[in-house]
């Protein structure tokens, strides 16, 4: 809370007039001043300002603090009245497949395995091309911006097109080109996927908004070699690695039969896990798995709406966090596994 006080000042008009122009002259010129709302700062003390302000110069937030204080220090080209509004950092959608907006509602009320192999993979093979990806991404970024999302992590095909549309919209993206062990809409072989992804990683190095990534889909769609090759390529360029991990019971059961261990332990054994890895879902992770994820500094993304919609299960988020693993929130793809790109984030923040 900001205290209020009354001050009695007695000044002659000429003195006041002179002081006014001196104070205006010494104000720093900035582009934007957002003033008058309730500001959720997310600083170390989680400070909330009931009558706050925020100053922007270019693409940088210069200051945040009490409105009266910042209005006295800065002269803005544009002032946004935020009275009666809540001002807070943009949401981050930690896992999605943005172009799948064009597949929204393709088929509901089935398990993940059936949805993937009977519906979405065939539909992608038939319909997805670069134009499809561009239009799907444009719709996705518009939907996310309207929902308060300013950054998202994506995994799809023709990811360079996703990057171009994301940057054009002014959003930030951690964007992963998909590796999968069957002919994909953009790359028909592992060699093509490696070549495309290397060009993609090189192109976007150092960009302020776009962080290009490699995205081996999962252990149930990628061989050990594909997983290792994709990870090695990402690390060659110091890029993130995005992957689905332990997202359904069948994946866990098949891994136990084929590898003699859980999906997390398998990924660790073959050298994939590390601090550059963002693992989506992490539903079937026991105590040993959670310790491994923490030791390798892997980040997990919880997708509650998606997991409920396709009945995959409930991620043990409290236990994962207690183990020391960083956990984010995601929507998953805006098709049959969720059907939206913002609702689960907003609901989960309440």
Foldseek 3Di string as FASTA:
>chain_A
DDDDDDDDDDDDPVVVVVVVVVLVVQAAEAAEKEWQDWEQEPPPVRDIDHTKMWTHHDHDTDDIDHRVVNVSRHDHPYYHYQHVHYHYAFAEAEEAAQLCLVQAAVDFDAAPVCCCPVTDQVVQQVDDDLVSSLVSLLVRVVQRVVLRHQEYEHEDAPQLSSVVNCVVSVGAYAYAYEDFPAQGRHHGHLVRSLVVLLVSCVVCPPPPRYQYAHEHEAPVGDPLVSLVSRQVSCVVSVGAYEYEAPQAPVQQVVCCVPVVHGRLVVCVVSPRAALRYEYEDQAPADPVSLLSCQVRQYAYEHAVQLCVRNVRHHRPVVSSVVSPHHYHYHNYYCHRSHVHGRPVVVVVVD
